[in-house]
Amino acid sequence: MATLGQTFKKYDSEIRLKIIKECTKFGVVFISKKYGINRNTINSWIRNFKAGKLNLKRGRISSESDFEERYEIQKKFTEFLKQERKNAQNLLEKIEQNEELKTYYENLMLQKLHITDKTKK
């Protein structure tokens, strides 16, 4: 809850878009620590961006060109996410095809599970 006289940081649209794009590659937690921004703030930017509600300009959106611009940005971001998903799928397929890599990643995952099991006890 805000306290009396508290001021809030404001981030311009370029920084918010840059942070949203970086979150797709590195994750929200890492980016929040990198920029010193609360992860809940970044999550709300991402949620609003996906819903088409992220206000990239100050003030109200008044003209149709603003909506068109936002739509184009959202479309580009969606294409970017599709490409990232495709790249990840291709990597997984390559791992599946290469038996040596497959066993390496399986062992790595087993080690991580073993470590997390110890921390839970």
N, C-alpha and C. Protein backbone atom coordinates (compact mmCIF):
# COMPACT_ATOMS: atom_id res chain seq x y z
N MET A 1 0.84 -1.17 0.00
CA MET A 1 0.00 0.00 0.00
C MET A 1 0.89 1.24 0.00
N ALA A 2 0.47 2.22 -0.75
CA ALA A 2 1.25 3.45 -0.85
C ALA A 2 1.13 4.25 0.43
N THR A 3 2.22 4.93 0.78
CA THR A 3 2.21 5.79 1.95
C THR A 3 2.07 7.23 1.51
N LEU A 4 1.71 8.09 2.41
CA LEU A 4 1.52 9.50 2.11
C LEU A 4 2.82 10.12 1.62
N GLY A 5 2.78 10.75 0.48
CA GLY A 5 3.95 11.40 -0.07
C GLY A 5 4.88 10.49 -0.86
N GLN A 6 4.52 9.22 -1.00
CA GLN A 6 5.36 8.28 -1.73
C GLN A 6 5.32 8.58 -3.22
N THR A 7 6.47 8.52 -3.85
CA THR A 7 6.52 8.72 -5.31
C THR A 7 6.84 7.40 -5.97
N PHE A 8 6.41 7.27 -7.22
CA PHE A 8 6.61 6.04 -7.96
C PHE A 8 7.49 6.32 -9.17
N LYS A 9 8.31 5.33 -9.52
CA LYS A 9 9.14 5.46 -10.71
C LYS A 9 8.27 5.27 -11.94
N LYS A 10 8.59 6.01 -13.00
CA LYS A 10 7.87 5.87 -14.26
C LYS A 10 8.87 5.43 -15.31
N TYR A 11 8.45 4.47 -16.13
CA TYR A 11 9.30 3.92 -17.16
C TYR A 11 8.67 4.20 -18.52
N ASP A 12 9.49 4.71 -19.45
CA ASP A 12 8.91 5.02 -20.75
C ASP A 12 8.70 3.74 -21.56
N SER A 13 7.99 3.88 -22.66
CA SER A 13 7.54 2.72 -23.42
C SER A 13 8.70 1.90 -23.98
N GLU A 14 9.78 2.56 -24.40
CA GLU A 14 10.91 1.81 -24.96
C GLU A 14 11.53 0.89 -23.93
N ILE A 15 11.68 1.38 -22.73
CA ILE A 15 12.27 0.56 -21.66
C ILE A 15 11.35 -0.60 -21.32
N ARG A 16 10.03 -0.33 -21.22
CA ARG A 16 9.09 -1.40 -20.89
C ARG A 16 9.09 -2.49 -21.97
N LEU A 17 9.09 -2.09 -23.24
CA LEU A 17 9.13 -3.09 -24.31
C LEU A 17 10.43 -3.88 -24.30
N LYS A 18 11.54 -3.19 -24.06
CA LYS A 18 12.84 -3.86 -23.99
C LYS A 18 12.84 -4.90 -22.87
N ILE A 19 12.31 -4.52 -21.73
CA ILE A 19 12.27 -5.43 -20.58
C ILE A 19 11.37 -6.63 -20.86
N ILE A 20 10.22 -6.39 -21.49
CA ILE A 20 9.31 -7.49 -21.82
C ILE A 20 9.99 -8.48 -22.76
N LYS A 21 10.69 -7.98 -23.77
CA LYS A 21 11.38 -8.87 -24.71
C LYS A 21 12.50 -9.64 -24.03
N GLU A 22 13.23 -8.97 -23.15
CA GLU A 22 14.32 -9.66 -22.45
C GLU A 22 13.77 -10.75 -21.52
N CYS A 23 12.58 -10.54 -20.99
CA CYS A 23 11.98 -11.53 -20.10
C CYS A 23 11.70 -12.84 -20.83
N THR A 24 11.40 -12.77 -22.13
CA THR A 24 11.14 -14.00 -22.87
C THR A 24 12.41 -14.83 -23.01
N LYS A 25 13.56 -14.17 -23.00
CA LYS A 25 14.83 -14.90 -23.14
C LYS A 25 15.41 -15.32 -21.80
N PHE A 26 15.38 -14.42 -20.82
CA PHE A 26 16.11 -14.65 -19.59
C PHE A 26 15.23 -14.90 -18.36
N GLY A 27 13.95 -14.61 -18.46
CA GLY A 27 13.06 -14.82 -17.32
C GLY A 27 12.85 -13.56 -16.51
N VAL A 28 11.70 -13.50 -15.87
CA VAL A 28 11.29 -12.31 -15.13
C VAL A 28 12.18 -12.06 -13.92
N VAL A 29 12.54 -13.11 -13.19
CA VAL A 29 13.32 -12.93 -11.96
C VAL A 29 14.68 -12.32 -12.27
N PHE A 30 15.36 -12.86 -13.29
CA PHE A 30 16.68 -12.34 -13.65
C PHE A 30 16.59 -10.89 -14.09
N ILE A 31 15.62 -10.57 -14.94
CA ILE A 31 15.49 -9.21 -15.46
C ILE A 31 15.09 -8.24 -14.35
N SER A 32 14.23 -8.69 -13.43
CA SER A 32 13.84 -7.80 -12.34
C SER A 32 15.04 -7.44 -11.47
N LYS A 33 15.93 -8.41 -11.25
CA LYS A 33 17.14 -8.12 -10.47
C LYS A 33 18.09 -7.23 -11.27
N LYS A 34 18.18 -7.47 -12.57
CA LYS A 34 19.08 -6.69 -13.43
C LYS A 34 18.70 -5.21 -13.42
N TYR A 35 17.41 -4.91 -13.54
CA TYR A 35 16.96 -3.53 -13.63
C TYR A 35 16.50 -2.95 -12.30
N GLY A 36 16.38 -3.80 -11.27
CA GLY A 36 15.94 -3.31 -9.97
C GLY A 36 14.46 -2.94 -9.96
N ILE A 37 13.68 -3.67 -10.74
CA ILE A 37 12.24 -3.43 -10.82
C ILE A 37 11.54 -4.63 -10.21
N ASN A 38 10.52 -4.38 -9.42
CA ASN A 38 9.76 -5.45 -8.79
C ASN A 38 9.22 -6.40 -9.86
N ARG A 39 9.34 -7.69 -9.61
CA ARG A 39 8.93 -8.67 -10.62
C ARG A 39 7.42 -8.64 -10.86
N ASN A 40 6.66 -8.24 -9.85
CA ASN A 40 5.22 -8.12 -10.03
C ASN A 40 4.88 -6.99 -11.00
N THR A 41 5.66 -5.93 -10.97
CA THR A 41 5.48 -4.84 -11.93
C THR A 41 5.73 -5.34 -13.34
N ILE A 42 6.83 -6.08 -13.52
CA ILE A 42 7.15 -6.60 -14.85
C ILE A 42 6.09 -7.60 -15.30
N ASN A 43 5.63 -8.45 -14.38
CA ASN A 43 4.57 -9.40 -14.74
C ASN A 43 3.30 -8.68 -15.17
N SER A 44 2.98 -7.57 -14.52
CA SER A 44 1.78 -6.83 -14.92
C SER A 44 1.98 -6.20 -16.30
N TRP A 45 3.20 -5.74 -16.62
CA TRP A 45 3.48 -5.22 -17.96
C TRP A 45 3.27 -6.31 -19.00
N ILE A 46 3.79 -7.50 -18.72
CA ILE A 46 3.67 -8.62 -19.66
C ILE A 46 2.20 -9.01 -19.83
N ARG A 47 1.49 -9.10 -18.72
CA ARG A 47 0.07 -9.46 -18.77
C ARG A 47 -0.72 -8.42 -19.57
N ASN A 48 -0.45 -7.15 -19.32
CA ASN A 48 -1.14 -6.09 -20.06
C ASN A 48 -0.75 -6.08 -21.53
N PHE A 49 0.51 -6.38 -21.80
CA PHE A 49 0.96 -6.41 -23.19
C PHE A 49 0.27 -7.52 -23.96
N LYS A 50 0.18 -8.70 -23.36
CA LYS A 50 -0.48 -9.82 -24.01
C LYS A 50 -1.96 -9.53 -24.23
N ALA A 51 -2.57 -8.79 -23.31
CA ALA A 51 -3.99 -8.46 -23.43
C ALA A 51 -4.20 -7.24 -24.34
N GLY A 52 -3.12 -6.64 -24.79
CA GLY A 52 -3.22 -5.46 -25.65
C GLY A 52 -3.55 -4.19 -24.87
N LYS A 53 -3.30 -4.21 -23.58
CA LYS A 53 -3.66 -3.08 -22.74
C LYS A 53 -2.46 -2.28 -22.25
N LEU A 54 -1.27 -2.69 -22.64
CA LEU A 54 -0.08 -1.97 -22.18
C LEU A 54 -0.04 -0.62 -22.87
N ASN A 55 -0.17 0.44 -22.11
CA ASN A 55 -0.17 1.79 -22.66
C ASN A 55 1.26 2.19 -22.95
N LEU A 56 1.61 2.22 -24.22
CA LEU A 56 2.98 2.52 -24.61
C LEU A 56 3.24 4.01 -24.69
N LYS A 57 2.20 4.79 -24.65
CA LYS A 57 2.35 6.24 -24.68
C LYS A 57 1.67 6.82 -23.45
N ARG A 58 2.12 7.96 -23.04
CA ARG A 58 1.52 8.62 -21.88
C ARG A 58 0.14 9.15 -22.26
N GLY A 59 -0.77 9.14 -21.33
CA GLY A 59 -2.11 9.67 -21.57
C GLY A 59 -3.01 8.66 -22.24
N ARG A 60 -4.18 9.11 -22.60
CA ARG A 60 -5.16 8.24 -23.24
C ARG A 60 -4.81 7.97 -24.69
N ILE A 61 -5.22 6.81 -25.14
CA ILE A 61 -5.06 6.49 -26.55
C ILE A 61 -6.28 7.07 -27.25
N SER A 62 -6.02 7.99 -28.16
CA SER A 62 -7.15 8.72 -28.70
C SER A 62 -7.39 8.47 -30.18
N SER A 63 -6.38 8.10 -30.91
CA SER A 63 -6.59 7.98 -32.35
C SER A 63 -6.48 6.53 -32.80
N GLU A 64 -7.04 6.28 -33.96
CA GLU A 64 -7.01 4.93 -34.51
C GLU A 64 -5.58 4.51 -34.85
N SER A 65 -4.74 5.47 -35.22
CA SER A 65 -3.36 5.13 -35.57
C SER A 65 -2.61 4.58 -34.35
N ASP A 66 -2.96 5.07 -33.15
CA ASP A 66 -2.34 4.54 -31.94
C ASP A 66 -2.71 3.07 -31.75
N PHE A 67 -3.99 2.76 -31.99
CA PHE A 67 -4.43 1.37 -31.88
C PHE A 67 -3.74 0.50 -32.92
N GLU A 68 -3.60 1.02 -34.13
CA GLU A 68 -2.93 0.27 -35.20
C GLU A 68 -1.47 0.03 -34.85
N GLU A 69 -0.83 1.03 -34.30
CA GLU A 69 0.58 0.90 -33.90
C GLU A 69 0.72 -0.16 -32.81
N ARG A 70 -0.16 -0.13 -31.82
CA ARG A 70 -0.12 -1.11 -30.75
C ARG A 70 -0.38 -2.51 -31.29
N TYR A 71 -1.31 -2.61 -32.24
CA TYR A 71 -1.61 -3.91 -32.83
C TYR A 71 -0.39 -4.45 -33.57
N GLU A 72 0.29 -3.60 -34.32
CA GLU A 72 1.49 -4.02 -35.05
C GLU A 72 2.58 -4.47 -34.09
N ILE A 73 2.76 -3.75 -33.01
CA ILE A 73 3.77 -4.13 -32.02
C ILE A 73 3.42 -5.48 -31.41
N GLN A 74 2.15 -5.65 -31.07
CA GLN A 74 1.72 -6.92 -30.47
C GLN A 74 1.89 -8.06 -31.47
N LYS A 75 1.59 -7.80 -32.73
CA LYS A 75 1.74 -8.83 -33.77
C LYS A 75 3.21 -9.23 -33.92
N LYS A 76 4.11 -8.25 -33.92
CA LYS A 76 5.54 -8.55 -34.02
C LYS A 76 6.02 -9.35 -32.81
N PHE A 77 5.54 -8.98 -31.64
CA PHE A 77 5.93 -9.69 -30.43
C PHE A 77 5.43 -11.13 -30.46
N THR A 78 4.21 -11.32 -30.94
CA THR A 78 3.65 -12.67 -31.06
C THR A 78 4.48 -13.51 -32.02
N GLU A 79 4.87 -12.92 -33.15
CA GLU A 79 5.72 -13.63 -34.10
C GLU A 79 7.07 -13.98 -33.48
N PHE A 80 7.61 -13.05 -32.70
CA PHE A 80 8.87 -13.28 -32.01
C PHE A 80 8.74 -14.48 -31.07
N LEU A 81 7.65 -14.52 -30.30
CA LEU A 81 7.43 -15.64 -29.38
C LEU A 81 7.26 -16.96 -30.13
N LYS A 82 6.56 -16.94 -31.25
CA LYS A 82 6.40 -18.16 -32.05
C LYS A 82 7.75 -18.66 -32.53
N GLN A 83 8.60 -17.74 -32.98
CA GLN A 83 9.93 -18.13 -33.46
C GLN A 83 10.77 -18.71 -32.32
N GLU A 84 10.69 -18.09 -31.14
CA GLU A 84 11.43 -18.61 -29.99
C GLU A 84 10.95 -20.01 -29.62
N ARG A 85 9.62 -20.22 -29.66
CA ARG A 85 9.07 -21.53 -29.38
C ARG A 85 9.56 -22.56 -30.40
N LYS A 86 9.60 -22.15 -31.67
CA LYS A 86 10.05 -23.05 -32.73
C LYS A 86 11.53 -23.40 -32.54
N ASN A 87 12.33 -22.40 -32.17
CA ASN A 87 13.76 -22.64 -31.92
C ASN A 87 13.95 -23.62 -30.76
N ALA A 88 13.16 -23.45 -29.71
CA ALA A 88 13.26 -24.35 -28.57
C ALA A 88 12.85 -25.77 -28.96
N GLN A 89 11.79 -25.88 -29.77
CA GLN A 89 11.34 -27.19 -30.23
C GLN A 89 12.41 -27.87 -31.09
N ASN A 90 13.05 -27.09 -31.97
CA ASN A 90 14.12 -27.63 -32.81
C ASN A 90 15.29 -28.13 -31.96
N LEU A 91 15.61 -27.39 -30.92
CA LEU A 91 16.69 -27.80 -30.04
C LEU A 91 16.33 -29.11 -29.33
N LEU A 92 15.09 -29.21 -28.86
CA LEU A 92 14.66 -30.44 -28.21
C LEU A 92 14.69 -31.62 -29.18
N GLU A 93 14.31 -31.40 -30.42
CA GLU A 93 14.36 -32.47 -31.42
C GLU A 93 15.80 -32.91 -31.68
N LYS A 94 16.72 -31.95 -31.74
CA LYS A 94 18.13 -32.30 -31.95
C LYS A 94 18.67 -33.11 -30.77
N ILE A 95 18.25 -32.72 -29.56
CA ILE A 95 18.68 -33.45 -28.38
C ILE A 95 18.14 -34.88 -28.42
N GLU A 96 16.88 -35.03 -28.81
CA GLU A 96 16.27 -36.36 -28.91
C GLU A 96 16.99 -37.22 -29.94
N GLN A 97 17.43 -36.61 -31.03
CA GLN A 97 18.11 -37.37 -32.08
C GLN A 97 19.52 -37.78 -31.69
N ASN A 98 20.18 -36.96 -30.91
CA ASN A 98 21.55 -37.23 -30.50
C ASN A 98 21.51 -37.97 -29.16
N GLU A 99 21.83 -39.23 -29.19
CA GLU A 99 21.72 -40.08 -27.99
C GLU A 99 22.65 -39.61 -26.87
N GLU A 100 23.83 -39.14 -27.23
CA GLU A 100 24.79 -38.69 -26.22
C GLU A 100 24.24 -37.45 -25.49
N LEU A 101 23.72 -36.49 -26.24
CA LEU A 101 23.13 -35.30 -25.62
C LEU A 101 21.90 -35.66 -24.78
N LYS A 102 21.13 -36.59 -25.29
CA LYS A 102 19.92 -37.00 -24.58
C LYS A 102 20.26 -37.56 -23.20
N THR A 103 21.25 -38.46 -23.14
CA THR A 103 21.63 -39.03 -21.84
C THR A 103 22.25 -37.97 -20.94
N TYR A 104 23.02 -37.03 -21.53
CA TYR A 104 23.61 -35.96 -20.75
C TYR A 104 22.52 -35.12 -20.07
N TYR A 105 21.51 -34.70 -20.84
CA TYR A 105 20.43 -33.88 -20.27
C TYR A 105 19.56 -34.66 -19.30
N GLU A 106 19.37 -35.93 -19.56
CA GLU A 106 18.61 -36.76 -18.61
C GLU A 106 19.35 -36.85 -17.28
N ASN A 107 20.67 -37.07 -17.34
CA ASN A 107 21.48 -37.12 -16.11
C ASN A 107 21.48 -35.77 -15.39
N LEU A 108 21.57 -34.71 -16.17
CA LEU A 108 21.54 -33.37 -15.59
C LEU A 108 20.23 -33.11 -14.86
N MET A 109 19.12 -33.50 -15.47
CA MET A 109 17.82 -33.33 -14.83
C MET A 109 17.70 -34.20 -13.58
N LEU A 110 18.24 -35.41 -13.64
CA LEU A 110 18.20 -36.27 -12.45
C LEU A 110 19.01 -35.66 -11.32
N GLN A 111 20.15 -35.06 -11.66
CA GLN A 111 20.97 -34.41 -10.63
C GLN A 111 20.20 -33.24 -10.01
N LYS A 112 19.53 -32.46 -10.84
CA LYS A 112 18.76 -31.33 -10.31
C LYS A 112 17.62 -31.82 -9.42
N LEU A 113 16.96 -32.87 -9.84
CA LEU A 113 15.87 -33.42 -9.02
C LEU A 113 16.40 -33.95 -7.70
N HIS A 114 17.57 -34.57 -7.75
CA HIS A 114 18.18 -35.10 -6.54
C HIS A 114 18.53 -33.96 -5.58
N ILE A 115 19.06 -32.88 -6.10
CA ILE A 115 19.41 -31.72 -5.29
C ILE A 115 18.17 -31.09 -4.68
N THR A 116 17.11 -30.95 -5.48
CA THR A 116 15.89 -30.34 -4.95
C THR A 116 15.21 -31.24 -3.94
N ASP A 117 15.33 -32.58 -4.11
CA ASP A 117 14.76 -33.48 -3.12
C ASP A 117 15.46 -33.32 -1.78
N LYS A 118 16.78 -33.11 -1.79
CA LYS A 118 17.52 -32.92 -0.54
C LYS A 118 17.09 -31.64 0.16
N THR A 119 16.83 -30.58 -0.61
CA THR A 119 16.47 -29.30 -0.01
C THR A 119 15.08 -29.33 0.58
N LYS A 120 14.22 -30.19 0.06
CA LYS A 120 12.84 -30.26 0.57
C LYS A 120 12.78 -30.97 1.92
N LYS A 121 13.74 -31.85 2.21
CA LYS A 121 13.71 -32.64 3.44
C LYS A 121 14.09 -31.84 4.65
